[in-house]
C-alpha atoms as a PDB file:
ATOM      1  CA  UNK A   1     102.867   5.973 -82.756  1.00  0.00           C
ATOM      2  CA  UNK A   2     101.556   3.500 -80.179  1.00  0.00           C
ATOM      3  CA  UNK A   3     103.710   0.840 -81.826  1.00  0.00           C
ATOM      4  CA  UNK A   4     106.672   2.699 -82.030  1.00  0.00           C
ATOM      5  CA  UNK A   5     106.173   3.676 -77.898  1.00  0.00           C
ATOM      6  CA  UNK A   6     105.809  -0.052 -77.339  1.00  0.00           C
ATOM      7  CA  UNK A   7     109.186  -0.991 -79.356  1.00  0.00           C
ATOM      8  CA  UNK A   8     111.019   1.803 -77.343  1.00  0.00           C
ATOM      9  CA  UNK A   9     109.763   0.153 -74.033  1.00  0.00           C
ATOM     10  CA  UNK A  10     110.714  -3.174 -75.062  1.00  0.00           C
ATOM     11  CA  UNK A  11     114.128  -2.087 -76.305  1.00  0.00           C
ATOM     12  CA  UNK A  12     114.822  -0.375 -72.773  1.00  0.00           C
ATOM     13  CA  UNK A  13     113.612  -3.440 -70.731  1.00  0.00           C
ATOM     14  CA  UNK A  14     115.791  -5.449 -72.892  1.00  0.00           C
ATOM     15  CA  UNK A  15     118.644  -3.121 -71.981  1.00  0.00           C
ATOM     16  CA  UNK A  16     117.949  -3.501 -68.494  1.00  0.00           C
ATOM     17  CA  UNK A  17     117.984  -7.271 -68.697  1.00  0.00           C
ATOM     18  CA  UNK A  18     121.475  -7.211 -69.922  1.00  0.00           C
ATOM     19  CA  UNK A  19     122.489  -5.092 -66.799  1.00  0.00           C
ATOM     20  CA  UNK A  20     122.579  -2.037 -68.748  1.00  0.00           C
ATOM     21  CA  UNK A  21     121.181   1.412 -67.516  1.00  0.00           C
ATOM     22  CA  UNK A  22     120.292   2.526 -63.951  1.00  0.00           C
ATOM     23  CA  UNK A  23     119.462  -0.129 -61.574  1.00  0.00           C
ATOM     24  CA  UNK A  24     116.618   2.024 -59.612  1.00  0.00           C
ATOM     25  CA  UNK A  25     115.169   3.246 -63.057  1.00  0.00           C
ATOM     26  CA  UNK A  26     114.927  -0.413 -64.758  1.00  0.00           C
ATOM     27  CA  UNK A  27     113.362  -2.015 -61.492  1.00  0.00           C
ATOM     28  CA  UNK A  28     110.755   1.080 -61.917  1.00  0.00           C
ATOM     29  CA  UNK A  29     110.156   0.661 -65.163  1.00  0.00           C
ATOM     30  CA  UNK A  30     109.709  -3.091 -64.958  1.00  0.00           C
ATOM     31  CA  UNK A  31     107.228  -2.958 -62.120  1.00  0.00           C
ATOM     32  CA  UNK A  32     105.106  -0.679 -64.224  1.00  0.00           C
ATOM     33  CA  UNK A  33     105.721  -2.322 -67.585  1.00  0.00           C
ATOM     34  CA  UNK A  34     102.241  -4.049 -67.403  1.00  0.00           C
ATOM     35  CA  UNK A  35     100.197  -0.705 -66.582  1.00  0.00           C
ATOM     36  CA  UNK A  36     101.741   0.628 -69.537  1.00  0.00           C
ATOM     37  CA  UNK A  37     100.931  -1.910 -71.813  1.00  0.00           C
ATOM     38  CA  UNK A  38      97.563  -2.398 -70.178  1.00  0.00           C
ATOM     39  CA  UNK A  39      97.029   1.336 -71.273  1.00  0.00           C
ATOM     40  CA  UNK A  40      98.553   1.283 -74.681  1.00  0.00           C
ATOM     41  CA  UNK A  41      96.136  -1.806 -75.366  1.00  0.00           C
ATOM     42  CA  UNK A  42      92.862  -0.161 -74.615  1.00  0.00           C
ATOM     43  CA  UNK A  43      93.618   2.825 -76.728  1.00  0.00           C
ATOM     44  CA  UNK A  44      94.602   0.848 -79.309  1.00  0.00           C
ATOM     45  CA  UNK A  45      91.380  -1.085 -79.223  1.00  0.00           C
ATOM     46  CA  UNK A  46      89.125   1.569 -78.676  1.00  0.00           C
ATOM     47  CA  UNK A  47      90.518   3.353 -81.862  1.00  0.00           C
ATOM     48  CA  UNK A  48      90.566   0.104 -83.889  1.00  0.00           C
ATOM     49  CA  UNK A  49      87.330  -1.225 -83.261  1.00  0.00           C
ATOM     50  CA  UNK A  50      88.740  -4.563 -82.020  1.00  0.00           C
ATOM     51  CA  UNK A  51      86.493  -6.542 -79.498  1.00  0.00           C
ATOM     52  CA  UNK A  52      87.392  -9.006 -77.258  1.00  0.00           C
ATOM     53  CA  UNK A  53      86.834 -12.693 -78.348  1.00  0.00           C
ATOM     54  CA  UNK A  54      88.105 -15.529 -76.114  1.00  0.00           C
ATOM     55  CA  UNK A  55      91.077 -14.849 -73.881  1.00  0.00           C
ATOM     56  CA  UNK A  56      91.978 -17.677 -70.848  1.00  0.00           C
ATOM     57  CA  UNK A  57      92.712 -14.521 -68.536  1.00  0.00           C
ATOM     58  CA  UNK A  58      88.933 -13.645 -68.775  1.00  0.00           C
ATOM     59  CA  UNK A  59      88.047 -17.260 -68.869  1.00  0.00           C
ATOM     60  CA  UNK A  60      89.806 -18.009 -65.392  1.00  0.00           C
ATOM     61  CA  UNK A  61      88.559 -14.729 -63.700  1.00  0.00           C
ATOM     62  CA  UNK A  62      84.985 -15.564 -64.423  1.00  0.00           C
ATOM     63  CA  UNK A  63      85.143 -18.991 -62.817  1.00  0.00           C
ATOM     64  CA  UNK A  64      84.030 -19.130 -59.217  1.00  0.00           C
ATOM     65  CA  UNK A  65      85.897 -20.457 -56.234  1.00  0.00           C
ATOM     66  CA  UNK A  66      83.628 -23.556 -55.736  1.00  0.00           C
ATOM     67  CA  UNK A  67      83.874 -24.490 -59.359  1.00  0.00           C
ATOM     68  CA  UNK A  68      84.128 -28.756 -59.583  1.00  0.00           C
ATOM     69  CA  UNK A  69      86.362 -29.757 -62.515  1.00  0.00           C
ATOM     70  CA  UNK A  70      85.173 -32.324 -64.787  1.00  0.00           C
ATOM     71  CA  UNK A  71      87.842 -33.879 -67.191  1.00  0.00           C
ATOM     72  CA  UNK A  72      85.083 -35.620 -69.052  1.00  0.00           C
ATOM     73  CA  UNK A  73      82.932 -32.363 -69.914  1.00  0.00           C
ATOM     74  CA  UNK A  74      84.932 -31.570 -73.037  1.00  0.00           C
ATOM     75  CA  UNK A  75      83.904 -33.050 -76.295  1.00  0.00           C
ATOM     76  CA  UNK A  76      86.937 -31.549 -78.031  1.00  0.00           C
ATOM     77  CA  UNK A  77      89.516 -35.024 -78.899  1.00  0.00           C
ATOM     78  CA  UNK A  78      91.861 -32.901 -81.313  1.00  0.00           C
ATOM     79  CA  UNK A  79      95.281 -32.159 -80.842  1.00  0.00           C
ATOM     80  CA  UNK A  80      94.698 -28.124 -79.783  1.00  0.00           C
ATOM     81  CA  UNK A  81      96.653 -24.953 -81.089  1.00  0.00           C
ATOM     82  CA  UNK A  82      98.617 -22.876 -78.384  1.00  0.00           C
ATOM     83  CA  UNK A  83      96.705 -19.684 -78.922  1.00  0.00           C
ATOM     84  CA  UNK A  84      93.513 -18.550 -77.205  1.00  0.00           C
ATOM     85  CA  UNK A  85      93.099 -15.006 -78.543  1.00  0.00           C
ATOM     86  CA  UNK A  86      95.171 -12.756 -81.285  1.00  0.00           C
ATOM     87  CA  UNK A  87      93.217  -9.695 -80.454  1.00  0.00           C
ATOM     88  CA  UNK A  88      96.417  -7.290 -81.035  1.00  0.00           C
ATOM     89  CA  UNK A  89      98.212  -9.216 -83.525  1.00  0.00           C
ATOM     90  CA  UNK A  90     100.309  -6.092 -84.776  1.00  0.00           C
ATOM     91  CA  UNK A  91     101.604  -4.677 -81.391  1.00  0.00           C
ATOM     92  CA  UNK A  92     104.851  -5.838 -80.116  1.00  0.00           C
ATOM     93  CA  UNK A  93     103.808  -5.825 -76.490  1.00  0.00           C
ATOM     94  CA  UNK A  94     102.090  -9.252 -76.753  1.00  0.00           C
ATOM     95  CA  UNK A  95     104.061 -11.852 -74.512  1.00  0.00           C
ATOM     96  CA  UNK A  96     103.069 -15.375 -74.919  1.00  0.00           C
ATOM     97  CA  UNK A  97     103.835 -17.597 -71.767  1.00  0.00           C
ATOM     98  CA  UNK A  98     103.137 -21.504 -72.303  1.00  0.00           C
ATOM     99  CA  UNK A  99     102.796 -23.410 -68.882  1.00  0.00           C
ATOM    100  CA  UNK A 100     103.124 -27.228 -69.049  1.00  0.00           C
ATOM    101  CA  UNK A 101     102.106 -29.047 -66.008  1.00  0.00           C
ATOM    102  CA  UNK A 102     103.576 -32.803 -65.792  1.00  0.00           C
ATOM    103  CA  UNK A 103     100.428 -34.642 -64.191  1.00  0.00           C
ATOM    104  CA  UNK A 104      99.336 -37.662 -62.612  1.00  0.00           C
ATOM    105  CA  UNK A 105      96.566 -38.062 -59.682  1.00  0.00           C
ATOM    106  CA  UNK A 106      96.916 -34.278 -58.487  1.00  0.00           C
ATOM    107  CA  UNK A 107      92.876 -32.900 -58.838  1.00  0.00           C
ATOM    108  CA  UNK A 108      93.066 -30.983 -55.557  1.00  0.00           C
ATOM    109  CA  UNK A 109      96.393 -29.488 -56.672  1.00  0.00           C
ATOM    110  CA  UNK A 110      95.701 -28.439 -59.924  1.00  0.00           C
ATOM    111  CA  UNK A 111      92.539 -26.839 -59.161  1.00  0.00           C
ATOM    112  CA  UNK A 112      94.160 -24.797 -56.468  1.00  0.00           C
ATOM    113  CA  UNK A 113      97.116 -23.968 -58.834  1.00  0.00           C
ATOM    114  CA  UNK A 114      94.617 -22.604 -61.604  1.00  0.00           C
ATOM    115  CA  UNK A 115      92.731 -20.639 -59.171  1.00  0.00           C
ATOM    116  CA  UNK A 116      96.531 -19.172 -58.351  1.00  0.00           C
ATOM    117  CA  UNK A 117      97.556 -18.713 -61.757  1.00  0.00           C
ATOM    118  CA  UNK A 118      94.717 -15.823 -62.480  1.00  0.00           C
ATOM    119  CA  UNK A 119      96.451 -13.658 -60.311  1.00  0.00           C
ATOM    120  CA  UNK A 120      99.219 -13.361 -62.703  1.00  0.00           C
ATOM    121  CA  UNK A 121      97.275 -12.298 -65.710  1.00  0.00           C
ATOM    122  CA  UNK A 122      98.084  -8.888 -66.986  1.00  0.00           C
ATOM    123  CA  UNK A 123      96.714  -7.052 -69.875  1.00  0.00           C
ATOM    124  CA  UNK A 124      98.768  -7.928 -73.244  1.00  0.00           C
ATOM    125  CA  UNK A 125      99.899 -11.148 -71.732  1.00  0.00           C
ATOM    126  CA  UNK A 126      98.342 -14.293 -73.151  1.00  0.00           C
ATOM    127  CA  UNK A 127      98.699 -17.725 -71.107  1.00  0.00           C
ATOM    128  CA  UNK A 128      98.521 -21.131 -72.640  1.00  0.00           C
ATOM    129  CA  UNK A 129      98.271 -23.972 -70.266  1.00  0.00           C
ATOM    130  CA  UNK A 130      99.006 -27.685 -71.122  1.00  0.00           C
ATOM    131  CA  UNK A 131      98.643 -30.422 -68.817  1.00  0.00           C
ATOM    132  CA  UNK A 132     100.432 -33.693 -69.718  1.00  0.00           C
ATOM    133  CA  UNK A 133      98.831 -36.489 -67.560  1.00  0.00           C
ATOM    134  CA  UNK A 134     100.708 -39.898 -67.552  1.00  0.00           C
ATOM    135  CA  UNK A 135      98.089 -42.474 -67.849  1.00  0.00           C
ATOM    136  CA  UNK A 136     100.005 -45.635 -66.660  1.00  0.00           C
ATOM    137  CA  UNK A 137      99.177 -45.951 -62.905  1.00  0.00           C
ATOM    138  CA  UNK A 138     101.199 -48.927 -62.244  1.00  0.00           C
ATOM    139  CA  UNK A 139     104.496 -47.450 -63.803  1.00  0.00           C
ATOM    140  CA  UNK A 140     106.800 -44.990 -62.133  1.00  0.00           C
ATOM    141  CA  UNK A 141     106.171 -41.306 -62.792  1.00  0.00           C
ATOM    142  CA  UNK A 142     108.056 -39.768 -65.491  1.00  0.00           C
ATOM    143  CA  UNK A 143     108.034 -36.378 -64.630  1.00  0.00           C
ATOM    144  CA  UNK A 144     110.994 -35.315 -67.427  1.00  0.00           C
ATOM    145  CA  UNK A 145     109.631 -37.256 -69.904  1.00  0.00           C
ATOM    146  CA  UNK A 146     105.810 -35.507 -69.638  1.00  0.00           C
ATOM    147  CA  UNK A 147     107.469 -32.104 -69.382  1.00  0.00           C
ATOM    148  CA  UNK A 148     109.466 -33.012 -72.878  1.00  0.00           C
ATOM    149  CA  UNK A 149     105.973 -33.871 -74.998  1.00  0.00           C
ATOM    150  CA  UNK A 150     104.620 -30.719 -73.551  1.00  0.00           C
ATOM    151  CA  UNK A 151     107.790 -28.548 -74.647  1.00  0.00           C
ATOM    152  CA  UNK A 152     107.361 -30.473 -77.947  1.00  0.00           C
ATOM    153  CA  UNK A 153     103.757 -29.696 -78.821  1.00  0.00           C
ATOM    154  CA  UNK A 154     104.173 -26.197 -77.258  1.00  0.00           C
ATOM    155  CA  UNK A 155     107.397 -25.358 -79.394  1.00  0.00           C
ATOM    156  CA  UNK A 156     105.168 -26.590 -82.496  1.00  0.00           C
ATOM    157  CA  UNK A 157     102.804 -23.740 -82.018  1.00  0.00           C
ATOM    158  CA  UNK A 158     105.232 -21.006 -80.491  1.00  0.00           C
ATOM    159  CA  UNK A 159     107.487 -18.509 -81.699  1.00  0.00           C
ATOM    160  CA  UNK A 160     111.205 -18.587 -80.779  1.00  0.00           C
ATOM    161  CA  UNK A 161     111.284 -16.129 -78.083  1.00  0.00           C
ATOM    162  CA  UNK A 162     107.915 -17.051 -76.526  1.00  0.00           C
ATOM    163  CA  UNK A 163     108.446 -18.248 -72.931  1.00  0.00           C
ATOM    164  CA  UNK A 164     107.700 -22.083 -71.947  1.00  0.00           C
ATOM    165  CA  UNK A 165     107.668 -22.731 -68.455  1.00  0.00           C
ATOM    166  CA  UNK A 166     107.867 -26.318 -66.740  1.00  0.00           C
ATOM    167  CA  UNK A 167     105.992 -26.019 -63.807  1.00  0.00           C
ATOM    168  CA  UNK A 168     105.167 -28.528 -61.111  1.00  0.00           C
ATOM    169  CA  UNK A 169     101.433 -28.397 -60.019  1.00  0.00           C
ATOM    170  CA  UNK A 170     102.097 -28.390 -56.414  1.00  0.00           C
ATOM    171  CA  UNK A 171     104.456 -25.394 -56.505  1.00  0.00           C
ATOM    172  CA  UNK A 172     102.183 -21.889 -56.113  1.00  0.00           C
ATOM    173  CA  UNK A 173     103.845 -18.362 -57.227  1.00  0.00           C
ATOM    174  CA  UNK A 174     102.951 -15.326 -55.461  1.00  0.00           C
ATOM    175  CA  UNK A 175     101.804 -12.858 -57.670  1.00  0.00           C
ATOM    176  CA  UNK A 176     105.196 -10.830 -57.796  1.00  0.00           C
ATOM    177  CA  UNK A 177     106.616 -13.851 -59.522  1.00  0.00           C
ATOM    178  CA  UNK A 178     107.289 -12.548 -63.109  1.00  0.00           C
ATOM    179  CA  UNK A 179     106.393 -15.203 -66.036  1.00  0.00           C
ATOM    180  CA  UNK A 180     107.507 -12.947 -68.714  1.00  0.00           C
ATOM    181  CA  UNK A 181     111.136 -12.981 -67.327  1.00  0.00           C
ATOM    182  CA  UNK A 182     112.770 -15.916 -69.634  1.00  0.00           C
ATOM    183  CA  UNK A 183     115.091 -14.125 -72.099  1.00  0.00           C
ATOM    184  CA  UNK A 184     117.517 -16.514 -70.376  1.00  0.00           C
ATOM    185  CA  UNK A 185     116.775 -19.773 -68.379  1.00  0.00           C
ATOM    186  CA  UNK A 186     115.121 -19.074 -64.701  1.00  0.00           C
ATOM    187  CA  UNK A 187     114.764 -20.572 -61.674  1.00  0.00           C
ATOM    188  CA  UNK A 188     111.077 -18.722 -61.368  1.00  0.00           C
ATOM    189  CA  UNK A 189     110.874 -20.432 -57.754  1.00  0.00           C
ATOM    190  CA  UNK A 190     113.755 -19.315 -55.819  1.00  0.00           C
ATOM    191  CA  UNK A 191     112.108 -18.558 -52.223  1.00  0.00           C
ATOM    192  CA  UNK A 192     110.569 -21.876 -51.866  1.00  0.00           C
ATOM    193  CA  UNK A 193     108.182 -22.301 -48.862  1.00  0.00           C
ATOM    194  CA  UNK A 194     109.210 -26.076 -48.155  1.00  0.00           C
ATOM    195  CA  UNK A 195     112.836 -25.458 -48.368  1.00  0.00           C
ATOM    196  CA  UNK A 196     112.792 -22.694 -45.651  1.00  0.00           C
ATOM    197  CA  UNK A 197     112.329 -19.728 -48.164  1.00  0.00           C
ATOM    198  CA  UNK A 198     115.473 -20.847 -50.444  1.00  0.00           C
ATOM    199  CA  UNK A 199     116.715 -23.403 -52.791  1.00  0.00           C
ATOM    200  CA  UNK A 200     118.517 -26.621 -51.166  1.00  0.00           C
ATOM    201  CA  UNK A 201     121.259 -26.162 -53.198  1.00  0.00           C
ATOM    202  CA  UNK A 202     122.756 -23.755 -56.001  1.00  0.00           C
ATOM    203  CA  UNK A 203     122.210 -26.107 -58.885  1.00  0.00           C
ATOM    204  CA  UNK A 204     118.809 -26.679 -58.187  1.00  0.00           C
ATOM    205  CA  UNK A 205     116.703 -26.668 -61.239  1.00  0.00           C
ATOM    206  CA  UNK A 206     113.203 -27.654 -60.324  1.00  0.00           C
ATOM    207  CA  UNK A 207     109.679 -26.511 -59.354  1.00  0.00           C
ATOM    208  CA  UNK A 208     109.280 -23.771 -61.892  1.00  0.00           C
ATOM    209  CA  UNK A 209     111.691 -23.214 -64.864  1.00  0.00           C
ATOM    210  CA  UNK A 210     111.604 -20.777 -67.386  1.00  0.00           C
ATOM    211  CA  UNK A 211     113.410 -20.389 -70.815  1.00  0.00           C
ATOM    212  CA  UNK A 212     112.561 -19.296 -74.490  1.00  0.00           C
ATOM    213  CA  UNK A 213     111.275 -21.985 -77.137  1.00  0.00           C
ATOM    214  CA  UNK A 214     115.192 -21.250 -78.838  1.00  0.00           C
ATOM    215  CA  UNK A 215     116.644 -22.339 -75.470  1.00  0.00           C
ATOM    216  CA  UNK A 216     114.530 -25.381 -74.951  1.00  0.00           C
ATOM    217  CA  UNK A 217     115.416 -26.738 -78.048  1.00  0.00           C
ATOM    218  CA  UNK A 218     119.119 -25.863 -77.913  1.00  0.00           C
ATOM    219  CA  UNK A 219     119.513 -28.128 -74.652  1.00  0.00           C
ATOM    220  CA  UNK A 220     117.607 -30.788 -76.056  1.00  0.00           C
ATOM    221  CA  UNK A 221     114.810 -30.715 -73.309  1.00  0.00           C
ATOM    222  CA  UNK A 222     114.800 -32.822 -70.561  1.00  0.00           C
ATOM    223  CA  UNK A 223     116.271 -36.650 -70.263  1.00  0.00           C
ATOM    224  CA  UNK A 224     113.812 -39.029 -71.174  1.00  0.00           C
ATOM    225  CA  UNK A 225     115.426 -41.834 -69.054  1.00  0.00           C
ATOM    226  CA  UNK A 226     114.431 -40.798 -65.621  1.00  0.00           C
ATOM    227  CA  UNK A 227     111.747 -42.605 -64.178  1.00  0.00           C
ATOM    228  CA  UNK A 228     110.458 -42.029 -60.374  1.00  0.00           C
ATOM    229  CA  UNK A 229     111.179 -39.268 -58.401  1.00  0.00           C
ATOM    230  CA  UNK A 230     114.877 -37.026 -58.433  1.00  0.00           C
ATOM    231  CA  UNK A 231     117.645 -36.701 -60.776  1.00  0.00           C
ATOM    232  CA  UNK A 232     115.966 -35.001 -63.967  1.00  0.00           C
ATOM    233  CA  UNK A 233     116.080 -31.409 -62.799  1.00  0.00           C
ATOM    234  CA  UNK A 234     119.982 -31.846 -62.055  1.00  0.00           C
ATOM    235  CA  UNK A 235     120.327 -33.279 -65.640  1.00  0.00           C
ATOM    236  CA  UNK A 236     118.568 -30.177 -66.662  1.00  0.00           C
ATOM    237  CA  UNK A 237     121.268 -27.908 -65.114  1.00  0.00           C
ATOM    238  CA  UNK A 238     123.818 -29.421 -66.829  1.00  0.00           C
ATOM    239  CA  UNK A 239     122.077 -29.107 -70.022  1.00  0.00           C
ATOM    240  CA  UNK A 240     122.080 -25.460 -69.628  1.00  0.00           C
ATOM    241  CA  UNK A 241     125.372 -25.149 -68.084  1.00  0.00           C
ATOM    242  CA  UNK A 242     127.183 -26.978 -71.024  1.00  0.00           C
ATOM    243  CA  UNK A 243     125.243 -24.369 -73.267  1.00  0.00           C
ATOM    244  CA  UNK A 244     126.429 -21.384 -71.313  1.00  0.00           C
ATOM    245  CA  UNK A 245     123.195 -20.585 -70.336  1.00  0.00           C
ATOM    246  CA  UNK A 246     123.641 -21.052 -66.548  1.00  0.00           C
ATOM    247  CA  UNK A 247     124.204 -17.941 -64.195  1.00  0.00           C
ATOM    248  CA  UNK A 248     128.086 -18.498 -64.061  1.00  0.00           C
ATOM    249  CA  UNK A 249     130.503 -20.584 -61.759  1.00  0.00           C
ATOM    250  CA  UNK A 250     128.788 -22.424 -59.435  1.00  0.00           C
ATOM    251  CA  UNK A 251     125.885 -20.219 -59.280  1.00  0.00           C
ATOM    252  CA  UNK A 252     123.197 -22.343 -60.841  1.00  0.00           C
ATOM    253  CA  UNK A 253     120.647 -20.966 -63.045  1.00  0.00           C
ATOM    254  CA  UNK A 254     119.595 -17.064 -63.116  1.00  0.00           C
ATOM    255  CA  UNK A 255     117.131 -16.286 -59.963  1.00  0.00           C
ATOM    256  CA  UNK A 256     114.876 -13.366 -59.669  1.00  0.00           C
ATOM    257  CA  UNK A 257     115.793 -10.571 -56.988  1.00  0.00           C
ATOM    258  CA  UNK A 258     114.371 -10.838 -53.334  1.00  0.00           C
ATOM    259  CA  UNK A 259     110.889 -11.123 -52.960  1.00  0.00           C
ATOM    260  CA  UNK A 260     110.137 -11.892 -56.884  1.00  0.00           C
ATOM    261  CA  UNK A 261     110.789 -15.641 -56.612  1.00  0.00           C
ATOM    262  CA  UNK A 262     108.516 -16.527 -53.579  1.00  0.00           C
ATOM    263  CA  UNK A 263     106.558 -20.096 -53.976  1.00  0.00           C
ATOM    264  CA  UNK A 264     104.305 -21.968 -51.592  1.00  0.00           C
ATOM    265  CA  UNK A 265     104.900 -25.447 -51.518  1.00  0.00           C
ATOM    266  CA  UNK A 266     101.115 -27.544 -51.866  1.00  0.00           C
ATOM    267  CA  UNK A 267     100.321 -30.230 -48.683  1.00  0.00           C
ATOM    268  CA  UNK A 268     101.754 -33.742 -49.623  1.00  0.00           C
ATOM    269  CA  UNK A 269      98.882 -35.104 -48.102  1.00  0.00           C
ATOM    270  CA  UNK A 270      96.764 -34.388 -51.387  1.00  0.00           C
ATOM    271  CA  UNK A 271      98.392 -36.999 -53.820  1.00  0.00           C
ATOM    272  CA  UNK A 272     100.048 -40.524 -54.145  1.00  0.00           C
ATOM    273  CA  UNK A 273     103.038 -40.833 -52.206  1.00  0.00           C
ATOM    274  CA  UNK A 274     106.373 -40.005 -54.496  1.00  0.00           C
ATOM    275  CA  UNK A 275     107.908 -43.439 -55.302  1.00  0.00           C
ATOM    276  CA  UNK A 276     111.666 -43.757 -56.057  1.00  0.00           C
ATOM    277  CA  UNK A 277     112.620 -46.367 -59.065  1.00  0.00           C
ATOM    278  CA  UNK A 278     116.092 -46.885 -57.112  1.00  0.00           C
ATOM    279  CA  UNK A 279     117.607 -48.623 -60.467  1.00  0.00           C
ATOM    280  CA  UNK A 280     116.465 -45.656 -62.445  1.00  0.00           C
ATOM    281  CA  UNK A 281     117.736 -43.161 -59.659  1.00  0.00           C
ATOM    282  CA  UNK A 282     121.229 -44.966 -59.524  1.00  0.00           C
ATOM    283  CA  UNK A 283     121.402 -45.061 -63.288  1.00  0.00           C
ATOM    284  CA  UNK A 284     120.652 -41.112 -63.545  1.00  0.00           C
ATOM    285  CA  UNK A 285     123.424 -40.429 -60.612  1.00  0.00           C
ATOM    286  CA  UNK A 286     125.912 -42.260 -62.924  1.00  0.00           C
ATOM    287  CA  UNK A 287     124.585 -39.742 -65.769  1.00  0.00           C
ATOM    288  CA  UNK A 288     125.036 -36.960 -63.909  1.00  0.00           C
ATOM    289  CA  UNK A 289     128.546 -37.680 -62.771  1.00  0.00           C
ATOM    290  CA  UNK A 290     129.520 -38.309 -66.352  1.00  0.00           C
ATOM    291  CA  UNK A 291     127.892 -35.020 -67.285  1.00  0.00           C
ATOM    292  CA  UNK A 292     130.047 -33.201 -64.482  1.00  0.00           C
ATOM    293  CA  UNK A 293     132.993 -34.014 -66.342  1.00  0.00           C
ATOM    294  CA  UNK A 294     131.660 -33.090 -69.747  1.00  0.00           C
ATOM    295  CA  UNK A 295     129.565 -35.805 -71.165  1.00  0.00           C
ATOM    296  CA  UNK A 296     127.385 -34.680 -74.344  1.00  0.00           C
ATOM    297  CA  UNK A 297     125.199 -37.584 -74.049  1.00  0.00           C
ATOM    298  CA  UNK A 298     122.152 -35.207 -73.589  1.00  0.00           C
ATOM    299  CA  UNK A 299     122.798 -34.202 -77.123  1.00  0.00           C
ATOM    300  CA  UNK A 300     120.985 -37.700 -77.826  1.00  0.00           C
ATOM    301  CA  UNK A 301     118.533 -37.710 -75.270  1.00  0.00           C
ATOM    302  CA  UNK A 302     115.912 -35.606 -74.918  1.00  0.00           C
ATOM    303  CA  UNK A 303     113.402 -33.903 -77.373  1.00  0.00           C
ATOM    304  CA  UNK A 304     115.227 -35.255 -80.323  1.00  0.00           C
ATOM    305  CA  UNK A 305     114.425 -38.958 -79.503  1.00  0.00           C
ATOM    306  CA  UNK A 306     111.015 -38.473 -77.948  1.00  0.00           C
ATOM    307  CA  UNK A 307     108.676 -40.944 -78.435  1.00  0.00           C
ATOM    308  CA  UNK A 308     104.613 -40.941 -76.937  1.00  0.00           C
ATOM    309  CA  UNK A 309     101.237 -42.217 -77.706  1.00  0.00           C
ATOM    310  CA  UNK A 310      98.644 -39.699 -77.450  1.00  0.00           C
ATOM    311  CA  UNK A 311      95.380 -41.170 -75.737  1.00  0.00           C
ATOM    312  CA  UNK A 312      93.192 -38.141 -76.145  1.00  0.00           C
ATOM    313  CA  UNK A 313      92.977 -34.620 -75.581  1.00  0.00           C
ATOM    314  CA  UNK A 314      90.242 -32.226 -74.105  1.00  0.00           C
ATOM    315  CA  UNK A 315      90.029 -28.646 -72.566  1.00  0.00           C
ATOM    316  CA  UNK A 316      88.628 -28.271 -69.372  1.00  0.00           C
ATOM    317  CA  UNK A 317      86.724 -25.395 -67.710  1.00  0.00           C
ATOM    318  CA  UNK A 318      89.952 -23.425 -66.656  1.00  0.00           C
ATOM    319  CA  UNK A 319      90.708 -23.268 -70.778  1.00  0.00           C
ATOM    320  CA  UNK A 320      93.502 -25.732 -70.072  1.00  0.00           C
ATOM    321  CA  UNK A 321      94.475 -28.397 -72.980  1.00  0.00           C
ATOM    322  CA  UNK A 322      94.966 -31.839 -71.338  1.00  0.00           C
ATOM    323  CA  UNK A 323      96.866 -34.239 -73.202  1.00  0.00           C
ATOM    324  CA  UNK A 324      96.419 -38.135 -71.757  1.00  0.00           C
ATOM    325  CA  UNK A 325      99.816 -39.803 -72.811  1.00  0.00           C
ATOM    326  CA  UNK A 326     101.054 -43.358 -72.544  1.00  0.00           C
ATOM    327  CA  UNK A 327     104.656 -44.838 -73.213  1.00  0.00           C
ATOM    328  CA  UNK A 328     103.079 -48.272 -74.389  1.00  0.00           C
ATOM    329  CA  UNK A 329     100.937 -48.463 -77.344  1.00  0.00           C
ATOM    330  CA  UNK A 330      97.428 -49.064 -76.109  1.00  0.00           C
ATOM    331  CA  UNK A 331      95.384 -52.054 -77.964  1.00  0.00           C
ATOM    332  CA  UNK A 332      93.320 -50.967 -80.899  1.00  0.00           C
ATOM    333  CA  UNK A 333      94.760 -47.695 -81.124  1.00  0.00           C
ATOM    334  CA  UNK A 334      96.615 -46.214 -84.000  1.00  0.00           C
ATOM    335  CA  UNK A 335     100.373 -45.610 -82.726  1.00  0.00           C
ATOM    336  CA  UNK A 336     101.381 -41.963 -82.517  1.00  0.00           C
ATOM    337  CA  UNK A 337     105.201 -41.509 -82.055  1.00  0.00           C
ATOM    338  CA  UNK A 338     107.025 -37.948 -82.086  1.00  0.00           C
ATOM    339  CA  UNK A 339     110.814 -37.903 -83.179  1.00  0.00           C
ATOM    340  CA  UNK A 340     112.091 -34.296 -83.733  1.00  0.00           C
END
């Protein structure tokens, strides 16, 4: 009976997401779905005797606000799986959310982000966090490449309908932002403080973007050719557009309704300056012009030609999986390349 109740609720929500049903009824059901799932979850556990083992939601809630993060504290050096718990495997209401942070020298932003993220945990929703850290300090930051590594690792362990969210570590969504809304690629942060409460232009596809594992594979992830700051998010938009996964003519990506996409930009004073590689930026601008005219070069540039070297991995106090990566093969280390 409980299982069928969950299935019916999911069917109704899916119908609403495809613009069916009463707008008011769908809005009310969406707002109360987490409470309903939590109620059903508690009933199921009570009658089945299942116990809570290890869930990242509980793990983060128990961390005091003055926690001092220490990346050297963990001894786990193996590539992790993507699940913290499987406490109700038979029900259909468990939603898997994978969040990927591209990272280099953003300690203050990361700690703030993890404290903010715990506000989004709900019963029946499992969060997995990957922090993909670029170790080359002297080379330009490669945001898109780091996100591809995270998508590849997450996709290896995730179902096709799981939500994978590429997430800037310095952009903090408020509690109304729904990470589970990913049945179609979605710009989850669409009312951004550093852009005056909006987005800079209609095709903007940066910051925080959610999509299913299936859709990330379909667009071949991000480009691997972007170095420095700028351009890779526009490249992503054209990938979605080429696969008819955008919101329609000149509308950009799908965006949440008013009040559901509010995000705060963290201060620029807490990280190293943004450095633009002008040569690489000019090259990606040329690529964007070609993609505007229908170029399909994205099919050979992305997840399917991704290469990186894994230098080490560990889990921190927040339960996040840290992956230290390099584009160059380190001396006296076995080469680890990924091609999918």
